[in-house]
Amino acid sequence: MKVTINGAPHDLPPGATVAQAVQKLTPAVAGVAVALNDEVVRRGAWQSTALGENDRVEVLTAVQGG
């Protein structure tokens, strides 16, 4: 199944979840926020939120420094 993660196309297996999409980009879970089709997904729902064909996922990570 094709999804867009942070603007780039990715192939994920059918039934893939938001958690699997996040793992494509970063091993981190702390300081990470996710939006699915412009709606924020709570961290507690990542494992149970299934992705569909052509979904758009945005994964944002907190950055420290100055």
N, C-alpha and C. Protein backbone atom coordinates (compact mmCIF):
# COMPACT_ATOMS: atom_id res chain seq x y z
N MET A 1 0.84 -1.16 0.00
CA MET A 1 0.00 0.00 0.00
C MET A 1 0.90 1.23 0.00
N LYS A 2 0.51 2.23 -0.76
CA LYS A 2 1.29 3.46 -0.86
C LYS A 2 0.72 4.52 0.08
N VAL A 3 1.62 5.12 0.87
CA VAL A 3 1.26 6.24 1.74
C VAL A 3 2.33 7.31 1.57
N THR A 4 2.01 8.51 1.96
CA THR A 4 2.97 9.61 1.92
C THR A 4 3.36 9.94 3.35
N ILE A 5 4.65 9.87 3.63
CA ILE A 5 5.16 10.19 4.96
C ILE A 5 6.10 11.38 4.83
N ASN A 6 5.74 12.47 5.48
CA ASN A 6 6.52 13.71 5.40
C ASN A 6 6.81 14.11 3.96
N GLY A 7 5.81 13.95 3.11
CA GLY A 7 5.91 14.41 1.73
C GLY A 7 6.56 13.43 0.77
N ALA A 8 7.04 12.30 1.25
CA ALA A 8 7.71 11.32 0.39
C ALA A 8 6.88 10.03 0.31
N PRO A 9 6.80 9.43 -0.88
CA PRO A 9 6.03 8.18 -1.00
C PRO A 9 6.75 7.01 -0.33
N HIS A 10 5.97 6.15 0.32
CA HIS A 10 6.50 4.95 0.97
C HIS A 10 5.55 3.80 0.71
N ASP A 11 6.10 2.60 0.59
CA ASP A 11 5.29 1.39 0.50
C ASP A 11 5.26 0.74 1.87
N LEU A 12 4.05 0.48 2.36
CA LEU A 12 3.87 -0.22 3.63
C LEU A 12 2.96 -1.41 3.38
N PRO A 13 3.05 -2.43 4.22
CA PRO A 13 2.18 -3.60 4.03
C PRO A 13 0.72 -3.24 4.33
N PRO A 14 -0.22 -3.92 3.70
CA PRO A 14 -1.63 -3.69 4.02
C PRO A 14 -1.87 -3.87 5.51
N GLY A 15 -2.68 -3.00 6.08
CA GLY A 15 -2.95 -3.07 7.51
C GLY A 15 -1.91 -2.40 8.38
N ALA A 16 -0.95 -1.71 7.76
CA ALA A 16 0.09 -1.02 8.53
C ALA A 16 -0.55 0.04 9.42
N THR A 17 0.14 0.33 10.51
CA THR A 17 -0.38 1.29 11.48
C THR A 17 0.45 2.58 11.49
N VAL A 18 -0.05 3.56 12.20
CA VAL A 18 0.69 4.80 12.38
C VAL A 18 2.04 4.50 13.03
N ALA A 19 2.07 3.60 13.99
CA ALA A 19 3.33 3.24 14.65
C ALA A 19 4.37 2.74 13.65
N GLN A 20 3.94 1.95 12.68
CA GLN A 20 4.88 1.45 11.67
C GLN A 20 5.37 2.58 10.77
N ALA A 21 4.53 3.53 10.48
CA ALA A 21 4.95 4.68 9.68
C ALA A 21 5.99 5.50 10.43
N VAL A 22 5.78 5.69 11.73
CA VAL A 22 6.75 6.44 12.53
C VAL A 22 8.09 5.71 12.53
N GLN A 23 8.08 4.39 12.66
CA GLN A 23 9.31 3.61 12.69
C GLN A 23 10.09 3.71 11.38
N LYS A 24 9.41 4.02 10.28
CA LYS A 24 10.11 4.22 8.99
C LYS A 24 11.06 5.41 9.06
N LEU A 25 10.72 6.40 9.91
CA LEU A 25 11.51 7.63 9.95
C LEU A 25 12.42 7.75 11.16
N THR A 26 11.98 7.24 12.31
CA THR A 26 12.76 7.45 13.52
C THR A 26 12.51 6.34 14.53
N PRO A 27 13.55 5.91 15.24
CA PRO A 27 13.35 4.94 16.31
C PRO A 27 12.82 5.60 17.58
N ALA A 28 12.85 6.92 17.63
CA ALA A 28 12.42 7.65 18.82
C ALA A 28 10.91 7.59 18.98
N VAL A 29 10.46 7.62 20.22
CA VAL A 29 9.03 7.77 20.49
C VAL A 29 8.79 9.02 21.34
N ALA A 30 9.78 9.40 22.13
CA ALA A 30 9.66 10.62 22.92
C ALA A 30 9.90 11.83 22.02
N GLY A 31 9.12 12.87 22.23
CA GLY A 31 9.30 14.08 21.44
C GLY A 31 8.82 13.95 20.01
N VAL A 32 7.91 13.01 19.75
CA VAL A 32 7.40 12.79 18.40
C VAL A 32 5.89 13.04 18.39
N ALA A 33 5.43 13.75 17.39
CA ALA A 33 4.00 13.98 17.19
C ALA A 33 3.64 13.52 15.78
N VAL A 34 2.40 13.04 15.62
CA VAL A 34 1.98 12.51 14.33
C VAL A 34 0.62 13.07 13.94
N ALA A 35 0.49 13.43 12.66
CA ALA A 35 -0.81 13.80 12.10
C ALA A 35 -1.10 12.85 10.94
N LEU A 36 -2.32 12.37 10.88
CA LEU A 36 -2.78 11.50 9.80
C LEU A 36 -3.86 12.24 9.04
N ASN A 37 -3.60 12.55 7.79
CA ASN A 37 -4.55 13.31 6.96
C ASN A 37 -5.00 14.58 7.68
N ASP A 38 -4.01 15.30 8.23
CA ASP A 38 -4.20 16.59 8.89
C ASP A 38 -4.90 16.52 10.24
N GLU A 39 -5.03 15.34 10.84
CA GLU A 39 -5.61 15.17 12.17
C GLU A 39 -4.56 14.56 13.10
N VAL A 40 -4.35 15.19 14.27
CA VAL A 40 -3.37 14.68 15.22
C VAL A 40 -3.83 13.31 15.73
N VAL A 41 -2.86 12.39 15.84
CA VAL A 41 -3.13 11.06 16.38
C VAL A 41 -2.43 10.95 17.73
N ARG A 42 -3.18 10.67 18.79
CA ARG A 42 -2.60 10.51 20.12
C ARG A 42 -1.63 9.33 20.13
N ARG A 43 -0.56 9.46 20.89
CA ARG A 43 0.45 8.41 20.96
C ARG A 43 -0.17 7.08 21.37
N GLY A 44 -1.12 7.09 22.26
CA GLY A 44 -1.77 5.87 22.70
C GLY A 44 -2.55 5.16 21.60
N ALA A 45 -2.83 5.86 20.51
CA ALA A 45 -3.60 5.28 19.40
C ALA A 45 -2.72 4.88 18.21
N TRP A 46 -1.43 5.09 18.29
CA TRP A 46 -0.56 4.78 17.15
C TRP A 46 -0.64 3.32 16.74
N GLN A 47 -0.62 2.41 17.71
CA GLN A 47 -0.62 0.98 17.40
C GLN A 47 -1.95 0.51 16.81
N SER A 48 -3.03 1.18 17.16
CA SER A 48 -4.35 0.72 16.73
C SER A 48 -4.92 1.52 15.55
N THR A 49 -4.23 2.55 15.11
CA THR A 49 -4.71 3.36 14.00
C THR A 49 -4.14 2.84 12.69
N ALA A 50 -5.00 2.20 11.91
CA ALA A 50 -4.58 1.61 10.63
C ALA A 50 -4.51 2.69 9.55
N LEU A 51 -3.57 2.51 8.65
CA LEU A 51 -3.43 3.41 7.51
C LEU A 51 -4.15 2.83 6.31
N GLY A 52 -4.57 3.71 5.43
CA GLY A 52 -5.21 3.29 4.19
C GLY A 52 -4.40 3.78 2.99
N GLU A 53 -4.73 3.24 1.85
CA GLU A 53 -4.08 3.63 0.59
C GLU A 53 -4.15 5.15 0.43
N ASN A 54 -3.02 5.74 0.06
CA ASN A 54 -2.88 7.17 -0.21
C ASN A 54 -3.06 8.07 1.02
N ASP A 55 -2.98 7.51 2.22
CA ASP A 55 -3.02 8.36 3.41
C ASP A 55 -1.78 9.24 3.46
N ARG A 56 -1.91 10.37 4.15
CA ARG A 56 -0.80 11.30 4.34
C ARG A 56 -0.45 11.33 5.83
N VAL A 57 0.80 11.02 6.14
CA VAL A 57 1.28 11.01 7.52
C VAL A 57 2.37 12.06 7.66
N GLU A 58 2.26 12.86 8.69
CA GLU A 58 3.31 13.83 9.01
C GLU A 58 3.87 13.46 10.37
N VAL A 59 5.18 13.22 10.43
CA VAL A 59 5.86 12.87 11.67
C VAL A 59 6.76 14.03 12.04
N LEU A 60 6.52 14.61 13.20
CA LEU A 60 7.29 15.76 13.66
C LEU A 60 8.09 15.37 14.90
N THR A 61 9.36 15.73 14.93
CA THR A 61 10.18 15.45 16.10
C THR A 61 10.66 16.75 16.71
N ALA A 62 10.72 16.75 18.03
CA ALA A 62 11.20 17.93 18.76
C ALA A 62 12.72 18.01 18.61
N VAL A 63 13.21 19.22 18.46
CA VAL A 63 14.64 19.45 18.32
C VAL A 63 15.07 20.44 19.40
N GLN A 64 16.17 20.13 20.08
CA GLN A 64 16.69 21.03 21.09
C GLN A 64 17.99 21.65 20.60
N GLY A 65 18.32 22.74 21.20
CA GLY A 65 19.58 23.39 20.83
C GLY A 65 19.35 24.85 20.53
N GLY A 66 20.39 25.48 20.14
CA GLY A 66 20.22 26.90 19.89
C GLY A 66 21.33 27.46 19.07
